[in-house]
């Protein structure tokens, strides 16, 4: 299934994606953060030629492409470049963290590792 079976519409600060010939629909909204927020996913369609999961993946890609065209979101490469070029966007406590200090996602590092959550 390709994007040609998807219809992408911009309505105010929302992007709506529907798949022709199915009941599938999704709605995403522009927000202050540089990425889209999901507002709604339509009903599942057991008669569709793709799964609901496949539709959500296609819809997310189509909505993000449209949002980039509109200047609502930036690519991850642009976000990283902006953070590297503008140290004011990176909190002071994160500026000098070495890659070796980051053990895994969610694992406390540095002073936070000594504090136990109760």
PDB file of N, CA and C in Angstrom:
ATOM      1  N   UNK A   1       0.855  -1.180   0.000  1.00  0.00           N
ATOM      2  CA  UNK A   1       0.000   0.000   0.000  1.00  0.00           C
ATOM      3  C   UNK A   1       0.891   1.230   0.000  1.00  0.00           C
ATOM      4  N   UNK A   2       0.536   2.207  -0.783  1.00  0.00           N
ATOM      5  CA  UNK A   2       1.357   3.404  -0.914  1.00  0.00           C
ATOM      6  C   UNK A   2       0.613   4.621  -0.396  1.00  0.00           C
ATOM      7  N   UNK A   3       1.311   5.733  -0.374  1.00  0.00           N
ATOM      8  CA  UNK A   3       0.685   6.980   0.045  1.00  0.00           C
ATOM      9  C   UNK A   3      -0.393   7.433  -0.929  1.00  0.00           C
ATOM     10  N   UNK A   4      -0.415   6.877  -2.129  1.00  0.00           N
ATOM     11  CA  UNK A   4      -1.422   7.285  -3.112  1.00  0.00           C
ATOM     12  C   UNK A   4      -2.830   6.901  -2.662  1.00  0.00           C
ATOM     13  N   UNK A   5      -2.951   5.931  -1.769  1.00  0.00           N
ATOM     14  CA  UNK A   5      -4.269   5.556  -1.268  1.00  0.00           C
ATOM     15  C   UNK A   5      -4.674   6.387  -0.051  1.00  0.00           C
ATOM     16  N   UNK A   6      -3.791   7.290   0.373  1.00  0.00           N
ATOM     17  CA  UNK A   6      -4.083   8.157   1.510  1.00  0.00           C
ATOM     18  C   UNK A   6      -4.491   9.543   1.033  1.00  0.00           C
ATOM     19  N   UNK A   7      -5.422  10.133   1.743  1.00  0.00           N
ATOM     20  CA  UNK A   7      -5.796  11.530   1.492  1.00  0.00           C
ATOM     21  C   UNK A   7      -5.382  12.328   2.722  1.00  0.00           C
ATOM     22  N   UNK A   8      -4.586  13.369   2.516  1.00  0.00           N
ATOM     23  CA  UNK A   8      -4.079  14.200   3.608  1.00  0.00           C
ATOM     24  C   UNK A   8      -4.694  15.581   3.478  1.00  0.00           C
ATOM     25  N   UNK A   9      -5.349  16.030   4.562  1.00  0.00           N
ATOM     26  CA  UNK A   9      -6.005  17.341   4.558  1.00  0.00           C
ATOM     27  C   UNK A   9      -5.487  18.161   5.735  1.00  0.00           C
ATOM     28  N   UNK A  10      -5.319  19.455   5.518  1.00  0.00           N
ATOM     29  CA  UNK A  10      -4.937  20.369   6.587  1.00  0.00           C
ATOM     30  C   UNK A  10      -6.173  21.179   6.948  1.00  0.00           C
ATOM     31  N   UNK A  11      -6.561  21.110   8.215  1.00  0.00           N
ATOM     32  CA  UNK A  11      -7.727  21.834   8.712  1.00  0.00           C
ATOM     33  C   UNK A  11      -7.292  22.654   9.927  1.00  0.00           C
ATOM     34  N   UNK A  12      -6.996  23.926   9.718  1.00  0.00           N
ATOM     35  CA  UNK A  12      -6.518  24.772  10.829  1.00  0.00           C
ATOM     36  C   UNK A  12      -5.162  24.285  11.306  1.00  0.00           C
ATOM     37  N   UNK A  13      -5.094  23.905  12.587  1.00  0.00           N
ATOM     38  CA  UNK A  13      -3.827  23.400  13.141  1.00  0.00           C
ATOM     39  C   UNK A  13      -3.822  21.879  13.251  1.00  0.00           C
ATOM     40  N   UNK A  14      -4.673  21.225  12.451  1.00  0.00           N
ATOM     41  CA  UNK A  14      -4.700  19.762  12.456  1.00  0.00           C
ATOM     42  C   UNK A  14      -4.452  19.221  11.047  1.00  0.00           C
ATOM     43  N   UNK A  15      -3.929  18.006  11.030  1.00  0.00           N
ATOM     44  CA  UNK A  15      -3.746  17.274   9.778  1.00  0.00           C
ATOM     45  C   UNK A  15      -4.576  16.007   9.887  1.00  0.00           C
ATOM     46  N   UNK A  16      -5.432  15.791   8.926  1.00  0.00           N
ATOM     47  CA  UNK A  16      -6.297  14.607   8.918  1.00  0.00           C
ATOM     48  C   UNK A  16      -5.852  13.701   7.784  1.00  0.00           C
ATOM     49  N   UNK A  17      -5.719  12.409   8.089  1.00  0.00           N
ATOM     50  CA  UNK A  17      -5.312  11.420   7.090  1.00  0.00           C
ATOM     51  C   UNK A  17      -6.386  10.345   7.032  1.00  0.00           C
ATOM     52  N   UNK A  18      -6.873  10.059   5.844  1.00  0.00           N
ATOM     53  CA  UNK A  18      -7.847   8.979   5.652  1.00  0.00           C
ATOM     54  C   UNK A  18      -7.348   8.074   4.538  1.00  0.00           C
ATOM     55  N   UNK A  19      -7.723   6.805   4.612  1.00  0.00           N
ATOM     56  CA  UNK A  19      -7.363   5.857   3.568  1.00  0.00           C
ATOM     57  C   UNK A  19      -8.606   5.554   2.750  1.00  0.00           C
ATOM     58  N   UNK A  20      -8.508   5.820   1.462  1.00  0.00           N
ATOM     59  CA  UNK A  20      -9.645   5.589   0.559  1.00  0.00           C
ATOM     60  C   UNK A  20     -10.062   4.123   0.589  1.00  0.00           C
ATOM     61  N   UNK A  21     -11.369   3.903   0.567  1.00  0.00           N
ATOM     62  CA  UNK A  21     -11.913   2.549   0.516  1.00  0.00           C
ATOM     63  C   UNK A  21     -11.945   1.835   1.859  1.00  0.00           C
ATOM     64  N   UNK A  22     -11.596   2.557   2.944  1.00  0.00           N
ATOM     65  CA  UNK A  22     -11.620   1.972   4.284  1.00  0.00           C
ATOM     66  C   UNK A  22     -12.288   2.944   5.255  1.00  0.00           C
ATOM     67  N   UNK A  23     -12.456   2.490   6.477  1.00  0.00           N
ATOM     68  CA  UNK A  23     -12.959   3.353   7.551  1.00  0.00           C
ATOM     69  C   UNK A  23     -11.815   4.028   8.315  1.00  0.00           C
ATOM     70  N   UNK A  24     -10.581   3.741   7.943  1.00  0.00           N
ATOM     71  CA  UNK A  24      -9.418   4.258   8.658  1.00  0.00           C
ATOM     72  C   UNK A  24      -9.308   5.777   8.545  1.00  0.00           C
ATOM     73  N   UNK A  25      -9.014   6.406   9.676  1.00  0.00           N
ATOM     74  CA  UNK A  25      -8.730   7.835   9.698  1.00  0.00           C
ATOM     75  C   UNK A  25      -7.860   8.147  10.904  1.00  0.00           C
ATOM     76  N   UNK A  26      -7.107   9.215  10.787  1.00  0.00           N
ATOM     77  CA  UNK A  26      -6.254   9.666  11.880  1.00  0.00           C
ATOM     78  C   UNK A  26      -6.209  11.191  11.856  1.00  0.00           C
ATOM     79  N   UNK A  27      -6.047  11.767  13.038  1.00  0.00           N
ATOM     80  CA  UNK A  27      -5.947  13.226  13.121  1.00  0.00           C
ATOM     81  C   UNK A  27      -4.789  13.576  14.047  1.00  0.00           C
ATOM     82  N   UNK A  28      -3.947  14.484  13.585  1.00  0.00           N
ATOM     83  CA  UNK A  28      -2.778  14.939  14.328  1.00  0.00           C
ATOM     84  C   UNK A  28      -2.865  16.449  14.466  1.00  0.00           C
ATOM     85  N   UNK A  29      -2.308  16.989  15.566  1.00  0.00           N
ATOM     86  CA  UNK A  29      -2.382  18.428  15.754  1.00  0.00           C
ATOM     87  C   UNK A  29      -1.009  19.031  15.970  1.00  0.00           C
ATOM     88  N   UNK A  30      -0.881  20.261  15.498  1.00  0.00           N
ATOM     89  CA  UNK A  30       0.325  21.052  15.718  1.00  0.00           C
ATOM     90  C   UNK A  30       0.356  21.444  17.196  1.00  0.00           C
ATOM     91  N   UNK A  31       1.540  21.449  17.765  1.00  0.00           N
ATOM     92  CA  UNK A  31       1.685  21.856  19.162  1.00  0.00           C
ATOM     93  C   UNK A  31       2.948  22.695  19.303  1.00  0.00           C
ATOM     94  N   UNK A  32       3.227  23.171  20.521  1.00  0.00           N
ATOM     95  CA  UNK A  32       4.416  23.990  20.757  1.00  0.00           C
ATOM     96  C   UNK A  32       5.701  23.197  20.553  1.00  0.00           C
ATOM     97  N   UNK A  33       5.682  21.922  20.888  1.00  0.00           N
ATOM     98  CA  UNK A  33       6.851  21.062  20.688  1.00  0.00           C
ATOM     99  C   UNK A  33       7.064  20.871  19.182  1.00  0.00           C
ATOM    100  N   UNK A  34       8.290  20.557  18.764  1.00  0.00           N
ATOM    101  CA  UNK A  34       8.556  20.434  17.328  1.00  0.00           C
ATOM    102  C   UNK A  34       8.160  19.084  16.730  1.00  0.00           C
ATOM    103  N   UNK A  35       7.064  18.514  17.168  1.00  0.00           N
ATOM    104  CA  UNK A  35       6.539  17.279  16.585  1.00  0.00           C
ATOM    105  C   UNK A  35       5.022  17.305  16.709  1.00  0.00           C
ATOM    106  N   UNK A  36       4.354  16.438  15.975  1.00  0.00           N
ATOM    107  CA  UNK A  36       2.895  16.380  15.979  1.00  0.00           C
ATOM    108  C   UNK A  36       2.387  15.589  17.181  1.00  0.00           C
ATOM    109  N   UNK A  37       1.197  15.947  17.632  1.00  0.00           N
ATOM    110  CA  UNK A  37       0.512  15.186  18.677  1.00  0.00           C
ATOM    111  C   UNK A  37      -0.635  14.428  18.009  1.00  0.00           C
ATOM    112  N   UNK A  38      -0.848  13.195  18.414  1.00  0.00           N
ATOM    113  CA  UNK A  38      -1.947  12.394  17.876  1.00  0.00           C
ATOM    114  C   UNK A  38      -3.220  12.769  18.610  1.00  0.00           C
ATOM    115  N   UNK A  39      -4.245  13.141  17.869  1.00  0.00           N
ATOM    116  CA  UNK A  39      -5.532  13.487  18.467  1.00  0.00           C
ATOM    117  C   UNK A  39      -6.529  12.345  18.381  1.00  0.00           C
ATOM    118  N   UNK A  40      -6.504  11.605  17.292  1.00  0.00           N
ATOM    119  CA  UNK A  40      -7.543  10.600  17.097  1.00  0.00           C
ATOM    120  C   UNK A  40      -7.107   9.562  16.073  1.00  0.00           C
ATOM    121  N   UNK A  41      -7.491   8.327  16.327  1.00  0.00           N
ATOM    122  CA  UNK A  41      -7.407   7.274  15.320  1.00  0.00           C
ATOM    123  C   UNK A  41      -8.816   6.748  15.130  1.00  0.00           C
ATOM    124  N   UNK A  42      -9.216   6.572  13.880  1.00  0.00           N
ATOM    125  CA  UNK A  42     -10.557   6.105  13.584  1.00  0.00           C
ATOM    126  C   UNK A  42     -10.739   4.629  13.875  1.00  0.00           C
ATOM    127  N   UNK A  43     -11.885   4.117  13.556  1.00  0.00           N
ATOM    128  CA  UNK A  43     -12.187   2.718  13.879  1.00  0.00           C
ATOM    129  C   UNK A  43     -11.372   1.741  13.031  1.00  0.00           C
ATOM    130  N   UNK A  44     -11.235   0.541  13.559  1.00  0.00           N
ATOM    131  CA  UNK A  44     -10.600  -0.533  12.805  1.00  0.00           C
ATOM    132  C   UNK A  44     -11.542  -0.940  11.669  1.00  0.00           C
ATOM    133  N   UNK A  45     -10.980  -1.482  10.622  1.00  0.00           N
ATOM    134  CA  UNK A  45     -11.773  -1.915   9.472  1.00  0.00           C
ATOM    135  C   UNK A  45     -11.336  -3.331   9.102  1.00  0.00           C
ATOM    136  N   UNK A  46     -12.054  -4.342   9.580  1.00  0.00           N
ATOM    137  CA  UNK A  46     -11.650  -5.723   9.324  1.00  0.00           C
ATOM    138  C   UNK A  46     -11.673  -6.106   7.847  1.00  0.00           C
ATOM    139  N   UNK A  47     -12.365  -5.341   7.012  1.00  0.00           N
ATOM    140  CA  UNK A  47     -12.429  -5.647   5.580  1.00  0.00           C
ATOM    141  C   UNK A  47     -11.328  -4.955   4.780  1.00  0.00           C
ATOM    142  N   UNK A  48     -10.510  -4.146   5.426  1.00  0.00           N
ATOM    143  CA  UNK A  48      -9.454  -3.421   4.719  1.00  0.00           C
ATOM    144  C   UNK A  48      -8.345  -4.373   4.291  1.00  0.00           C
ATOM    145  N   UNK A  49      -7.618  -3.984   3.246  1.00  0.00           N
ATOM    146  CA  UNK A  49      -6.534  -4.827   2.730  1.00  0.00           C
ATOM    147  C   UNK A  49      -5.242  -4.660   3.524  1.00  0.00           C
ATOM    148  N   UNK A  50      -5.200  -3.686   4.439  1.00  0.00           N
ATOM    149  CA  UNK A  50      -4.043  -3.499   5.323  1.00  0.00           C
ATOM    150  C   UNK A  50      -4.539  -3.538   6.764  1.00  0.00           C
ATOM    151  N   UNK A  51      -3.638  -3.820   7.689  1.00  0.00           N
ATOM    152  CA  UNK A  51      -4.022  -3.837   9.100  1.00  0.00           C
ATOM    153  C   UNK A  51      -4.101  -2.406   9.623  1.00  0.00           C
ATOM    154  N   UNK A  52      -4.757  -2.243  10.752  1.00  0.00           N
ATOM    155  CA  UNK A  52      -4.868  -0.939  11.385  1.00  0.00           C
ATOM    156  C   UNK A  52      -3.480  -0.418  11.760  1.00  0.00           C
ATOM    157  N   UNK A  53      -2.618  -1.315  12.192  1.00  0.00           N
ATOM    158  CA  UNK A  53      -1.246  -0.945  12.544  1.00  0.00           C
ATOM    159  C   UNK A  53      -0.494  -0.407  11.329  1.00  0.00           C
ATOM    160  N   UNK A  54      -0.653  -1.062  10.185  1.00  0.00           N
ATOM    161  CA  UNK A  54      -0.011  -0.584   8.963  1.00  0.00           C
ATOM    162  C   UNK A  54      -0.538   0.790   8.567  1.00  0.00           C
ATOM    163  N   UNK A  55      -1.849   0.975   8.711  1.00  0.00           N
ATOM    164  CA  UNK A  55      -2.426   2.282   8.404  1.00  0.00           C
ATOM    165  C   UNK A  55      -1.840   3.354   9.314  1.00  0.00           C
ATOM    166  N   UNK A  56      -1.771   3.085  10.608  1.00  0.00           N
ATOM    167  CA  UNK A  56      -1.229   4.084  11.539  1.00  0.00           C
ATOM    168  C   UNK A  56       0.189   4.475  11.145  1.00  0.00           C
ATOM    169  N   UNK A  57       0.996   3.511  10.749  1.00  0.00           N
ATOM    170  CA  UNK A  57       2.359   3.792  10.315  1.00  0.00           C
ATOM    171  C   UNK A  57       2.368   4.681   9.072  1.00  0.00           C
ATOM    172  N   UNK A  58       1.574   4.330   8.068  1.00  0.00           N
ATOM    173  CA  UNK A  58       1.496   5.131   6.844  1.00  0.00           C
ATOM    174  C   UNK A  58       0.952   6.532   7.126  1.00  0.00           C
ATOM    175  N   UNK A  59      -0.079   6.601   7.972  1.00  0.00           N
ATOM    176  CA  UNK A  59      -0.697   7.894   8.290  1.00  0.00           C
ATOM    177  C   UNK A  59       0.295   8.808   9.011  1.00  0.00           C
ATOM    178  N   UNK A  60       1.057   8.243   9.956  1.00  0.00           N
ATOM    179  CA  UNK A  60       2.049   9.028  10.703  1.00  0.00           C
ATOM    180  C   UNK A  60       3.103   9.588   9.745  1.00  0.00           C
ATOM    181  N   UNK A  61       3.580   8.754   8.830  1.00  0.00           N
ATOM    182  CA  UNK A  61       4.576   9.215   7.857  1.00  0.00           C
ATOM    183  C   UNK A  61       4.010  10.326   6.964  1.00  0.00           C
ATOM    184  N   UNK A  62       2.792  10.131   6.472  1.00  0.00           N
ATOM    185  CA  UNK A  62       2.171  11.127   5.588  1.00  0.00           C
ATOM    186  C   UNK A  62       1.925  12.436   6.330  1.00  0.00           C
ATOM    187  N   UNK A  63       1.454  12.361   7.574  1.00  0.00           N
ATOM    188  CA  UNK A  63       1.191  13.568   8.359  1.00  0.00           C
ATOM    189  C   UNK A  63       2.486  14.316   8.664  1.00  0.00           C
ATOM    190  N   UNK A  64       3.538  13.589   8.998  1.00  0.00           N
ATOM    191  CA  UNK A  64       4.816  14.240   9.282  1.00  0.00           C
ATOM    192  C   UNK A  64       5.408  14.878   8.032  1.00  0.00           C
ATOM    193  N   UNK A  65       5.273  14.230   6.888  1.00  0.00           N
ATOM    194  CA  UNK A  65       5.737  14.832   5.639  1.00  0.00           C
ATOM    195  C   UNK A  65       5.009  16.140   5.364  1.00  0.00           C
ATOM    196  N   UNK A  66       3.687  16.132   5.558  1.00  0.00           N
ATOM    197  CA  UNK A  66       2.894  17.349   5.338  1.00  0.00           C
ATOM    198  C   UNK A  66       3.286  18.423   6.360  1.00  0.00           C
ATOM    199  N   UNK A  67       3.483  18.033   7.605  1.00  0.00           N
ATOM    200  CA  UNK A  67       3.865  18.995   8.649  1.00  0.00           C
ATOM    201  C   UNK A  67       5.228  19.624   8.348  1.00  0.00           C
ATOM    202  N   UNK A  68       6.159  18.842   7.817  1.00  0.00           N
ATOM    203  CA  UNK A  68       7.470  19.398   7.423  1.00  0.00           C
ATOM    204  C   UNK A  68       7.307  20.401   6.287  1.00  0.00           C
ATOM    205  N   UNK A  69       6.448  20.071   5.308  1.00  0.00           N
ATOM    206  CA  UNK A  69       6.197  20.994   4.199  1.00  0.00           C
ATOM    207  C   UNK A  69       5.624  22.316   4.708  1.00  0.00           C
ATOM    208  N   UNK A  70       4.786  22.233   5.749  1.00  0.00           N
ATOM    209  CA  UNK A  70       4.161  23.430   6.310  1.00  0.00           C
ATOM    210  C   UNK A  70       5.076  24.164   7.288  1.00  0.00           C
ATOM    211  N   UNK A  71       6.211  23.558   7.626  1.00  0.00           N
ATOM    212  CA  UNK A  71       7.121  24.177   8.586  1.00  0.00           C
ATOM    213  C   UNK A  71       6.703  23.972  10.035  1.00  0.00           C
ATOM    214  N   UNK A  72       5.778  23.037  10.280  1.00  0.00           N
ATOM    215  CA  UNK A  72       5.306  22.777  11.639  1.00  0.00           C
ATOM    216  C   UNK A  72       6.307  21.974  12.449  1.00  0.00           C
ATOM    217  N   UNK A  73       7.013  21.061  11.812  1.00  0.00           N
ATOM    218  CA  UNK A  73       7.981  20.206  12.504  1.00  0.00           C
ATOM    219  C   UNK A  73       9.285  20.219  11.725  1.00  0.00           C
ATOM    220  N   UNK A  74      10.346  19.828  12.412  1.00  0.00           N
ATOM    221  CA  UNK A  74      11.651  19.740  11.766  1.00  0.00           C
ATOM    222  C   UNK A  74      12.129  18.303  11.846  1.00  0.00           C
ATOM    223  N   UNK A  75      13.031  17.956  10.961  1.00  0.00           N
ATOM    224  CA  UNK A  75      13.579  16.602  10.979  1.00  0.00           C
ATOM    225  C   UNK A  75      14.465  16.441  12.208  1.00  0.00           C
ATOM    226  N   UNK A  76      14.733  15.206  12.593  1.00  0.00           N
ATOM    227  CA  UNK A  76      15.579  14.962  13.760  1.00  0.00           C
ATOM    228  C   UNK A  76      16.982  15.505  13.545  1.00  0.00           C
ATOM    229  N   UNK A  77      17.457  15.468  12.298  1.00  0.00           N
ATOM    230  CA  UNK A  77      18.782  16.019  12.010  1.00  0.00           C
ATOM    231  C   UNK A  77      18.813  17.515  12.289  1.00  0.00           C
ATOM    232  N   UNK A  78      17.746  18.228  11.890  1.00  0.00           N
ATOM    233  CA  UNK A  78      17.675  19.668  12.141  1.00  0.00           C
ATOM    234  C   UNK A  78      17.596  19.965  13.630  1.00  0.00           C
ATOM    235  N   UNK A  79      16.863  19.147  14.380  1.00  0.00           N
ATOM    236  CA  UNK A  79      16.751  19.365  15.823  1.00  0.00           C
ATOM    237  C   UNK A  79      18.104  19.186  16.501  1.00  0.00           C
ATOM    238  N   UNK A  80      18.858  18.150  16.113  1.00  0.00           N
ATOM    239  CA  UNK A  80      20.180  17.921  16.699  1.00  0.00           C
ATOM    240  C   UNK A  80      21.140  19.045  16.344  1.00  0.00           C
ATOM    241  N   UNK A  81      21.084  19.505  15.097  1.00  0.00           N
ATOM    242  CA  UNK A  81      21.952  20.601  14.661  1.00  0.00           C
ATOM    243  C   UNK A  81      21.629  21.862  15.440  1.00  0.00           C
ATOM    244  N   UNK A  82      20.338  22.146  15.636  1.00  0.00           N
ATOM    245  CA  UNK A  82      19.930  23.327  16.389  1.00  0.00           C
ATOM    246  C   UNK A  82      20.427  23.247  17.824  1.00  0.00           C
ATOM    247  N   UNK A  83      20.304  22.081  18.440  1.00  0.00           N
ATOM    248  CA  UNK A  83      20.756  21.919  19.827  1.00  0.00           C
ATOM    249  C   UNK A  83      22.262  22.091  19.930  1.00  0.00           C
ATOM    250  N   UNK A  84      23.014  21.596  18.956  1.00  0.00           N
ATOM    251  CA  UNK A  84      24.466  21.720  18.987  1.00  0.00           C
ATOM    252  C   UNK A  84      24.896  23.165  18.744  1.00  0.00           C
ATOM    253  N   UNK A  85      24.180  23.881  17.890  1.00  0.00           N
ATOM    254  CA  UNK A  85      24.557  25.250  17.542  1.00  0.00           C
ATOM    255  C   UNK A  85      24.069  26.260  18.569  1.00  0.00           C
ATOM    256  N   UNK A  86      23.031  25.945  19.298  1.00  0.00           N
ATOM    257  CA  UNK A  86      22.448  26.884  20.242  1.00  0.00           C
ATOM    258  C   UNK A  86      22.495  26.291  21.640  1.00  0.00           C
ATOM    259  N   UNK A  87      23.581  26.533  22.397  1.00  0.00           N
ATOM    260  CA  UNK A  87      23.709  25.929  23.728  1.00  0.00           C
ATOM    261  C   UNK A  87      22.628  26.375  24.692  1.00  0.00           C
ATOM    262  N   UNK A  88      21.933  27.459  24.419  1.00  0.00           N
ATOM    263  CA  UNK A  88      20.858  27.891  25.306  1.00  0.00           C
ATOM    264  C   UNK A  88      19.670  26.937  25.258  1.00  0.00           C
ATOM    265  N   UNK A  89      19.552  26.164  24.176  1.00  0.00           N
ATOM    266  CA  UNK A  89      18.460  25.196  24.063  1.00  0.00           C
ATOM    267  C   UNK A  89      18.753  23.905  24.824  1.00  0.00           C
ATOM    268  N   UNK A  90      20.006  23.683  25.205  1.00  0.00           N
ATOM    269  CA  UNK A  90      20.391  22.485  25.931  1.00  0.00           C
ATOM    270  C   UNK A  90      20.613  22.873  27.394  1.00  0.00           C
ATOM    271  N   UNK A  91      19.881  22.272  28.332  1.00  0.00           N
ATOM    272  CA  UNK A  91      20.071  22.624  29.736  1.00  0.00           C
ATOM    273  C   UNK A  91      21.527  22.451  30.161  1.00  0.00           C
ATOM    274  N   UNK A  92      21.984  23.342  31.029  1.00  0.00           N
ATOM    275  CA  UNK A  92      23.375  23.343  31.483  1.00  0.00           C
ATOM    276  C   UNK A  92      23.790  21.970  32.006  1.00  0.00           C
ATOM    277  N   UNK A  93      22.929  21.305  32.765  1.00  0.00           N
ATOM    278  CA  UNK A  93      23.301  20.021  33.365  1.00  0.00           C
ATOM    279  C   UNK A  93      23.546  18.934  32.316  1.00  0.00           C
ATOM    280  N   UNK A  94      23.062  19.129  31.074  1.00  0.00           N
ATOM    281  CA  UNK A  94      23.235  18.124  30.030  1.00  0.00           C
ATOM    282  C   UNK A  94      24.364  18.451  29.047  1.00  0.00           C
ATOM    283  N   UNK A  95      24.973  19.606  29.175  1.00  0.00           N
ATOM    284  CA  UNK A  95      25.957  20.038  28.179  1.00  0.00           C
ATOM    285  C   UNK A  95      27.244  19.239  28.210  1.00  0.00           C
ATOM    286  N   UNK A  96      27.662  18.761  29.381  1.00  0.00           N
ATOM    287  CA  UNK A  96      28.969  18.112  29.491  1.00  0.00           C
ATOM    288  C   UNK A  96      28.872  16.607  29.736  1.00  0.00           C
ATOM    289  N   UNK A  97      27.732  16.026  29.485  1.00  0.00           N
ATOM    290  CA  UNK A  97      27.571  14.591  29.701  1.00  0.00           C
ATOM    291  C   UNK A  97      28.334  13.830  28.621  1.00  0.00           C
ATOM    292  N   UNK A  98      29.190  12.945  29.041  1.00  0.00           N
ATOM    293  CA  UNK A  98      29.925  12.095  28.105  1.00  0.00           C
ATOM    294  C   UNK A  98      29.042  10.922  27.710  1.00  0.00           C
ATOM    295  N   UNK A  99      29.213  10.421  26.517  1.00  0.00           N
ATOM    296  CA  UNK A  99      28.406   9.290  26.050  1.00  0.00           C
ATOM    297  C   UNK A  99      28.557   8.070  26.947  1.00  0.00           C
ATOM    298  N   UNK A 100      29.751   7.868  27.515  1.00  0.00           N
ATOM    299  CA  UNK A 100      29.974   6.703  28.370  1.00  0.00           C
ATOM    300  C   UNK A 100      29.135   6.775  29.645  1.00  0.00           C
ATOM    301  N   UNK A 101      28.753   7.997  30.060  1.00  0.00           N
ATOM    302  CA  UNK A 101      27.968   8.151  31.279  1.00  0.00           C
ATOM    303  C   UNK A 101      26.526   7.713  31.095  1.00  0.00           C
ATOM    304  N   UNK A 102      26.071   7.709  29.856  1.00  0.00           N
ATOM    305  CA  UNK A 102      24.685   7.338  29.595  1.00  0.00           C
ATOM    306  C   UNK A 102      24.632   5.827  29.445  1.00  0.00           C
ATOM    307  N   UNK A 103      24.165   5.165  30.479  1.00  0.00           N
ATOM    308  CA  UNK A 103      24.188   3.702  30.495  1.00  0.00           C
ATOM    309  C   UNK A 103      23.033   3.089  29.723  1.00  0.00           C
ATOM    310  N   UNK A 104      21.852   3.577  29.948  1.00  0.00           N
ATOM    311  CA  UNK A 104      20.687   3.080  29.215  1.00  0.00           C
ATOM    312  C   UNK A 104      19.549   4.062  29.411  1.00  0.00           C
ATOM    313  N   UNK A 105      18.558   3.951  28.556  1.00  0.00           N
ATOM    314  CA  UNK A 105      17.418   4.851  28.641  1.00  0.00           C
ATOM    315  C   UNK A 105      16.729   4.651  29.978  1.00  0.00           C
ATOM    316  N   UNK A 106      16.526   5.735  30.676  1.00  0.00           N
ATOM    317  CA  UNK A 106      15.831   5.683  31.954  1.00  0.00           C
ATOM    318  C   UNK A 106      16.723   5.405  33.142  1.00  0.00           C
ATOM    319  N   UNK A 107      17.970   5.021  32.935  1.00  0.00           N
ATOM    320  CA  UNK A 107      18.869   4.747  34.050  1.00  0.00           C
ATOM    321  C   UNK A 107      19.401   6.065  34.598  1.00  0.00           C
ATOM    322  N   UNK A 108      19.345   6.274  35.921  1.00  0.00           N
ATOM    323  CA  UNK A 108      19.862   7.503  36.496  1.00  0.00           C
ATOM    324  C   UNK A 108      21.372   7.603  36.270  1.00  0.00           C
ATOM    325  N   UNK A 109      21.824   8.820  36.009  1.00  0.00           N
ATOM    326  CA  UNK A 109      23.237   9.075  35.753  1.00  0.00           C
ATOM    327  C   UNK A 109      23.657  10.246  36.617  1.00  0.00           C
ATOM    328  N   UNK A 110      24.876  10.240  37.089  1.00  0.00           N
ATOM    329  CA  UNK A 110      25.422  11.353  37.873  1.00  0.00           C
ATOM    330  C   UNK A 110      24.740  11.489  39.201  1.00  0.00           C
ATOM    331  N   UNK A 111      24.482  12.749  39.647  1.00  0.00           N
ATOM    332  CA  UNK A 111      23.884  12.976  40.968  1.00  0.00           C
ATOM    333  C   UNK A 111      22.534  12.289  41.126  1.00  0.00           C
ATOM    334  N   UNK A 112      21.778  12.157  40.062  1.00  0.00           N
ATOM    335  CA  UNK A 112      20.453  11.522  40.142  1.00  0.00           C
ATOM    336  C   UNK A 112      20.584  10.054  40.519  1.00  0.00           C
ATOM    337  N   UNK A 113      21.705   9.415  40.192  1.00  0.00           N
ATOM    338  CA  UNK A 113      21.893   7.993  40.483  1.00  0.00           C
ATOM    339  C   UNK A 113      21.981   7.753  41.990  1.00  0.00           C
ATOM    340  N   UNK A 114      22.388   8.773  42.742  1.00  0.00           N
ATOM    341  CA  UNK A 114      22.539   8.631  44.191  1.00  0.00           C
ATOM    342  C   UNK A 114      21.219   8.834  44.908  1.00  0.00           C
ATOM    343  N   UNK A 115      20.253   9.434  44.246  1.00  0.00           N
ATOM    344  CA  UNK A 115      18.955   9.707  44.851  1.00  0.00           C
ATOM    345  C   UNK A 115      18.024   8.545  44.572  1.00  0.00           C
ATOM    346  N   UNK A 116      17.426   8.022  45.624  1.00  0.00           N
ATOM    347  CA  UNK A 116      16.475   6.916  45.435  1.00  0.00           C
ATOM    348  C   UNK A 116      15.074   7.485  45.392  1.00  0.00           C
ATOM    349  N   UNK A 117      14.280   7.007  44.450  1.00  0.00           N
ATOM    350  CA  UNK A 117      12.895   7.428  44.344  1.00  0.00           C
ATOM    351  C   UNK A 117      12.065   6.597  45.302  1.00  0.00           C
ATOM    352  N   UNK A 118      11.248   7.240  46.090  1.00  0.00           N
ATOM    353  CA  UNK A 118      10.398   6.514  47.059  1.00  0.00           C
ATOM    354  C   UNK A 118       8.963   6.669  46.746  1.00  0.00           C
TER     355      UNK A 118
END
